[in-house]
């Protein structure tokens, strides 16, 4: 099988109330866990890489890994660049076989964001790849950023992006003690104005207090996050939200699992043992997210 764009998956999501999970593949073990978990529950497979992951592993290596896993499991995989930092980075990933890219222009003006995204869209569409755009503006609130209806519509019209990441109570870097709540009415308005555009939510790692307690039991010192509810997130699936990113929870669980293993096996020096244990914990967790968070068991 092959590396594919998310278009077909998003079209299915637009017709049914579920979303695909976009999982950051920080290393081989996490990429393997994400692919095996999706394959086990017959969910679409989307693996993502941030710029730091690409700097660490290489875009060509990540593509080769994803392609090899697709061949092993005889399944299609979406390979996505998350929060690309430059137009050039997006082009490099496309040239190395990524089927989807996102350009993060959060520090730029609306006009510069549009101009840069247009450049990426033009290149991507010529090479059979898709582009996730993102638009929002700063607000004087702990939520920090918000996507307005008018700017969302203008941005999509001007850039021709294939999907749109929005901020509706889910912006990055919100104080963890600030009680988050998704603005479902705002998401609905954007969806009704852009009914054919798949919407994407970032910064949506939802986990119970026990998740933090498990990490802190092995020395993590994490604060409990006042996140929005699972019901909030799932409500958004009715209004065009087709992809939900997952990164913070994956990083936290993987590190927790490695610490747990080493705490109970202090003399162990074989990386395959503690990395394998962490991989298995991630796989079980992602299987659960597919069936309990991203939903629609009828597609299984």
Protein backbone atom coordinates (compact mmCIF):
# COMPACT_ATOMS: atom_id res chain seq x y z
CA UNK A 1 0.00 0.00 0.00
CA UNK A 2 1.06 3.65 -0.09
CA UNK A 3 1.29 7.04 1.56
CA UNK A 4 -2.02 8.79 0.78
CA UNK A 5 -3.60 12.21 1.30
CA UNK A 6 -6.30 12.65 3.97
CA UNK A 7 -8.95 13.75 1.46
CA UNK A 8 -10.94 10.51 1.40
CA UNK A 9 -10.81 10.18 5.19
CA UNK A 10 -12.02 13.74 5.67
CA UNK A 11 -14.91 13.22 3.26
CA UNK A 12 -16.03 10.25 5.34
CA UNK A 13 -15.74 12.29 8.54
CA UNK A 14 -17.83 15.10 7.04
CA UNK A 15 -20.68 12.65 6.52
CA UNK A 16 -20.40 10.82 9.86
CA UNK A 17 -19.84 12.13 13.43
CA UNK A 18 -16.26 11.00 14.05
CA UNK A 19 -12.74 12.35 13.58
CA UNK A 20 -9.36 10.91 12.70
CA UNK A 21 -6.55 11.16 15.22
CA UNK A 22 -3.30 12.78 14.15
CA UNK A 23 -0.51 11.26 16.23
CA UNK A 24 3.00 12.69 16.44
CA UNK A 25 5.52 9.94 15.70
CA UNK A 26 8.40 11.12 17.88
CA UNK A 27 10.43 7.99 17.22
CA UNK A 28 10.21 4.55 15.62
CA UNK A 29 8.44 3.02 18.61
CA UNK A 30 5.69 5.65 18.74
CA UNK A 31 5.13 5.56 14.98
CA UNK A 32 4.91 1.77 15.12
CA UNK A 33 2.50 1.92 18.07
CA UNK A 34 0.23 4.44 16.31
CA UNK A 35 0.08 2.40 13.11
CA UNK A 36 -0.45 -0.93 14.89
CA UNK A 37 -3.19 0.57 17.09
CA UNK A 38 -5.12 2.01 14.14
CA UNK A 39 -4.69 -1.21 12.18
CA UNK A 40 -5.98 -3.28 15.13
CA UNK A 41 -9.25 -1.36 15.34
CA UNK A 42 -9.53 -0.75 11.58
CA UNK A 43 -9.29 3.03 11.97
CA UNK A 44 -7.69 5.35 9.40
CA UNK A 45 -3.98 5.86 10.05
CA UNK A 46 -2.48 9.33 10.25
CA UNK A 47 1.01 9.84 11.60
CA UNK A 48 2.52 13.28 11.99
CA UNK A 49 5.95 14.80 12.43
CA UNK A 50 6.81 18.18 13.87
CA UNK A 51 9.80 20.21 12.73
CA UNK A 52 11.79 19.07 15.77
CA UNK A 53 11.03 15.45 14.97
CA UNK A 54 12.18 16.00 11.39
CA UNK A 55 15.36 17.68 12.61
CA UNK A 56 15.92 14.69 14.88
CA UNK A 57 15.17 11.87 12.43
CA UNK A 58 15.03 13.32 8.91
CA UNK A 59 12.03 13.68 6.59
CA UNK A 60 13.36 10.97 4.28
CA UNK A 61 13.78 8.48 7.14
CA UNK A 62 10.29 9.19 8.52
CA UNK A 63 8.79 8.65 5.08
CA UNK A 64 10.72 5.40 4.65
CA UNK A 65 9.50 4.16 8.05
CA UNK A 66 5.86 5.00 7.31
CA UNK A 67 6.07 3.40 3.88
CA UNK A 68 7.64 0.25 5.34
CA UNK A 69 4.87 -0.06 7.94
CA UNK A 70 2.24 0.48 5.27
CA UNK A 71 3.72 -2.42 3.30
CA UNK A 72 3.98 -4.61 6.39
CA UNK A 73 0.31 -4.15 7.28
CA UNK A 74 -0.93 -3.75 3.71
CA UNK A 75 -2.60 -0.47 4.59
CA UNK A 76 -2.58 3.16 3.47
CA UNK A 77 -1.04 5.79 5.74
CA UNK A 78 -1.35 9.58 5.81
CA UNK A 79 2.03 11.20 6.58
CA UNK A 80 1.61 14.79 7.75
CA UNK A 81 3.93 17.66 8.69
CA UNK A 82 2.55 19.35 11.80
CA UNK A 83 3.34 23.03 12.44
CA UNK A 84 5.78 23.51 9.59
CA UNK A 85 7.94 26.53 10.36
CA UNK A 86 8.71 27.75 6.83
CA UNK A 87 7.51 27.41 3.25
CA UNK A 88 10.80 25.71 2.48
CA UNK A 89 10.22 23.12 5.22
CA UNK A 90 6.84 22.26 3.73
CA UNK A 91 8.36 21.89 0.26
CA UNK A 92 11.14 19.66 1.61
CA UNK A 93 8.60 17.37 3.26
CA UNK A 94 6.51 17.16 0.10
CA UNK A 95 9.64 16.36 -1.90
CA UNK A 96 10.35 13.58 0.60
CA UNK A 97 6.95 11.96 0.17
CA UNK A 98 4.78 13.59 2.83
CA UNK A 99 1.18 13.58 1.65
CA UNK A 100 -0.01 16.46 3.82
CA UNK A 101 1.64 19.54 5.32
CA UNK A 102 0.70 22.35 7.67
CA UNK A 103 2.37 25.78 7.72
CA UNK A 104 2.32 27.53 11.09
CA UNK A 105 2.25 31.31 10.57
CA UNK A 106 1.09 32.16 14.09
CA UNK A 107 3.62 35.00 14.41
CA UNK A 108 2.71 36.55 11.06
CA UNK A 109 0.07 39.04 9.98
CA UNK A 110 -3.03 37.76 8.21
CA UNK A 111 -1.63 39.01 4.90
CA UNK A 112 1.72 37.24 5.34
CA UNK A 113 -0.02 34.08 6.50
CA UNK A 114 -2.14 34.08 3.35
CA UNK A 115 0.81 34.78 1.06
CA UNK A 116 2.99 32.01 2.52
CA UNK A 117 0.15 29.51 2.62
CA UNK A 118 -0.68 30.28 -1.03
CA UNK A 119 2.91 29.39 -1.92
CA UNK A 120 2.65 26.06 -0.09
CA UNK A 121 -0.76 25.27 -1.59
CA UNK A 122 0.47 25.96 -5.12
CA UNK A 123 3.46 23.65 -4.67
CA UNK A 124 1.55 20.95 -2.81
CA UNK A 125 -1.28 20.71 -5.31
CA UNK A 126 1.19 20.41 -8.19
CA UNK A 127 2.77 17.45 -6.39
CA UNK A 128 -0.36 15.66 -5.20
CA UNK A 129 -0.22 16.73 -1.54
CA UNK A 130 -2.74 18.47 0.70
CA UNK A 131 -2.34 21.55 2.89
CA UNK A 132 -3.76 22.24 6.33
CA UNK A 133 -4.06 25.98 6.89
CA UNK A 134 -4.39 27.73 10.22
CA UNK A 135 -5.78 31.14 11.00
CA UNK A 136 -6.56 33.03 14.20
CA UNK A 137 -5.94 36.39 15.87
CA UNK A 138 -4.70 37.34 19.36
CA UNK A 139 -7.32 38.14 22.00
CA UNK A 140 -7.04 39.71 25.46
CA UNK A 141 -7.99 36.58 27.34
CA UNK A 142 -6.31 33.54 28.94
CA UNK A 143 -7.35 31.70 25.77
CA UNK A 144 -4.85 33.95 23.91
CA UNK A 145 -6.10 33.26 20.35
CA UNK A 146 -9.41 32.92 18.52
CA UNK A 147 -10.56 32.22 14.98
CA UNK A 148 -13.24 34.60 13.78
CA UNK A 149 -15.88 33.65 11.24
CA UNK A 150 -14.95 36.32 8.68
CA UNK A 151 -11.20 35.63 8.82
CA UNK A 152 -11.78 31.88 8.45
CA UNK A 153 -13.89 32.38 5.33
CA UNK A 154 -11.50 34.92 3.78
CA UNK A 155 -8.47 32.77 4.55
CA UNK A 156 -9.89 29.67 2.88
CA UNK A 157 -11.06 31.65 -0.14
CA UNK A 158 -7.66 33.32 -0.57
CA UNK A 159 -5.38 30.35 0.09
CA UNK A 160 -7.32 27.39 -1.29
CA UNK A 161 -6.15 25.25 1.64
CA UNK A 162 -7.64 21.75 1.88
CA UNK A 163 -8.42 21.82 5.63
CA UNK A 164 -8.42 24.50 8.29
CA UNK A 165 -7.09 24.47 11.86
CA UNK A 166 -9.06 26.80 14.10
CA UNK A 167 -8.86 28.17 17.64
CA UNK A 168 -12.17 28.03 19.47
CA UNK A 169 -11.13 27.58 23.09
CA UNK A 170 -8.35 25.15 22.21
CA UNK A 171 -5.33 27.39 21.53
CA UNK A 172 -1.81 26.25 22.39
CA UNK A 173 -0.04 27.43 25.56
CA UNK A 174 -3.14 28.21 27.58
CA UNK A 175 -2.39 28.23 31.32
CA UNK A 176 -3.05 24.62 32.45
CA UNK A 177 -5.00 25.93 35.44
CA UNK A 178 -7.37 27.91 33.22
CA UNK A 179 -10.58 25.89 32.67
CA UNK A 180 -10.76 25.29 28.93
CA UNK A 181 -14.04 24.96 27.11
CA UNK A 182 -14.57 24.43 23.41
CA UNK A 183 -16.79 27.06 21.80
CA UNK A 184 -19.09 24.72 19.93
CA UNK A 185 -21.33 27.54 18.69
CA UNK A 186 -18.34 29.21 17.06
CA UNK A 187 -17.18 25.95 15.47
CA UNK A 188 -20.71 25.43 14.14
CA UNK A 189 -20.81 28.92 12.60
CA UNK A 190 -17.48 28.38 10.83
CA UNK A 191 -18.65 24.99 9.58
CA UNK A 192 -21.93 26.39 8.26
CA UNK A 193 -20.01 29.11 6.39
CA UNK A 194 -17.47 26.58 5.05
CA UNK A 195 -19.52 23.37 4.82
CA UNK A 196 -17.07 21.57 2.50
CA UNK A 197 -13.89 22.42 4.43
CA UNK A 198 -12.65 19.88 7.00
CA UNK A 199 -11.83 21.55 10.31
CA UNK A 200 -8.92 20.60 12.57
CA UNK A 201 -8.44 21.07 16.31
CA UNK A 202 -4.98 21.32 17.86
CA UNK A 203 -4.13 21.31 21.59
CA UNK A 204 -6.81 18.77 22.42
CA UNK A 205 -5.05 16.16 24.56
CA UNK A 206 -7.76 15.02 26.98
CA UNK A 207 -6.84 12.66 29.78
CA UNK A 208 -8.13 11.97 33.30
CA UNK A 209 -6.40 12.98 36.53
CA UNK A 210 -5.15 9.40 36.83
CA UNK A 211 -3.01 10.02 33.75
CA UNK A 212 -1.16 12.85 35.53
CA UNK A 213 -1.01 10.88 38.78
CA UNK A 214 0.66 7.97 36.97
CA UNK A 215 3.28 10.30 35.52
CA UNK A 216 3.91 12.02 38.83
CA UNK A 217 4.27 8.69 40.65
CA UNK A 218 7.54 8.22 38.77
CA UNK A 219 8.84 11.75 39.17
CA UNK A 220 7.22 13.82 36.44
CA UNK A 221 5.87 16.75 38.53
CA UNK A 222 3.11 17.54 36.03
CA UNK A 223 0.26 19.91 36.85
CA UNK A 224 -3.30 18.70 36.42
CA UNK A 225 -4.82 20.31 33.34
CA UNK A 226 -8.28 21.86 33.43
CA UNK A 227 -9.13 20.74 29.94
CA UNK A 228 -12.45 20.77 28.15
CA UNK A 229 -14.55 17.65 28.39
CA UNK A 230 -14.73 14.64 26.13
CA UNK A 231 -18.34 15.58 25.45
CA UNK A 232 -17.19 19.02 24.22
CA UNK A 233 -14.73 17.43 21.82
CA UNK A 234 -17.17 14.87 20.47
CA UNK A 235 -19.85 17.53 19.99
CA UNK A 236 -17.50 19.28 17.58
CA UNK A 237 -17.46 16.24 15.26
CA UNK A 238 -20.99 17.15 14.17
CA UNK A 239 -19.75 20.48 12.86
CA UNK A 240 -16.99 19.63 10.43
CA UNK A 241 -14.15 18.75 12.82
CA UNK A 242 -12.41 15.91 11.01
CA UNK A 243 -8.97 15.74 12.63
CA UNK A 244 -7.88 15.99 16.23
CA UNK A 245 -4.19 16.18 17.09
CA UNK A 246 -2.60 14.11 19.83
CA UNK A 247 0.90 14.98 21.04
CA UNK A 248 1.18 16.01 24.71
CA UNK A 249 -0.49 12.86 26.00
CA UNK A 250 1.71 10.66 23.80
CA UNK A 251 4.92 12.31 25.02
CA UNK A 252 3.83 12.10 28.64
CA UNK A 253 2.75 8.45 28.52
CA UNK A 254 5.85 7.29 26.65
CA UNK A 255 8.17 8.96 29.15
CA UNK A 256 6.10 7.67 32.07
CA UNK A 257 6.28 4.12 30.75
CA UNK A 258 10.07 4.27 30.34
CA UNK A 259 10.44 5.58 33.90
CA UNK A 260 8.11 2.90 35.23
CA UNK A 261 10.05 0.13 33.55
CA UNK A 262 13.42 1.38 34.75
CA UNK A 263 12.12 1.89 38.28
CA UNK A 264 11.07 -1.76 38.44
CA UNK A 265 14.07 -3.06 36.48
CA UNK A 266 16.96 -0.80 37.55
CA UNK A 267 19.64 -3.21 36.33
CA UNK A 268 18.17 -3.45 32.81
CA UNK A 269 20.42 -1.93 30.12
CA UNK A 270 18.73 -3.28 26.97
CA UNK A 271 16.89 -0.36 25.28
CA UNK A 272 14.56 -2.81 23.55
CA UNK A 273 13.07 -3.75 26.90
CA UNK A 274 12.07 -0.32 28.18
CA UNK A 275 11.34 1.14 24.73
CA UNK A 276 9.30 -1.96 23.87
CA UNK A 277 7.29 -1.61 27.07
CA UNK A 278 6.65 2.07 26.32
CA UNK A 279 5.64 1.22 22.74
CA UNK A 280 3.10 -1.32 23.98
CA UNK A 281 1.60 1.17 26.44
CA UNK A 282 1.25 3.75 23.66
CA UNK A 283 -0.37 1.17 21.37
CA UNK A 284 -2.99 0.25 23.97
CA UNK A 285 -3.67 3.89 24.73
CA UNK A 286 -4.13 4.87 21.06
CA UNK A 287 -6.45 1.90 20.49
CA UNK A 288 -8.56 3.24 23.35
CA UNK A 289 -8.55 6.76 21.90
CA UNK A 290 -9.78 5.48 18.55
CA UNK A 291 -12.70 3.62 20.08
CA UNK A 292 -13.63 5.95 22.96
CA UNK A 293 -12.57 9.44 21.85
CA UNK A 294 -12.55 9.60 18.05
CA UNK A 295 -15.56 7.37 18.03
CA UNK A 296 -17.94 5.72 15.60
CA UNK A 297 -17.37 2.06 16.33
CA UNK A 298 -19.70 1.30 13.41
CA UNK A 299 -16.80 1.92 11.02
CA UNK A 300 -14.70 -0.79 12.70
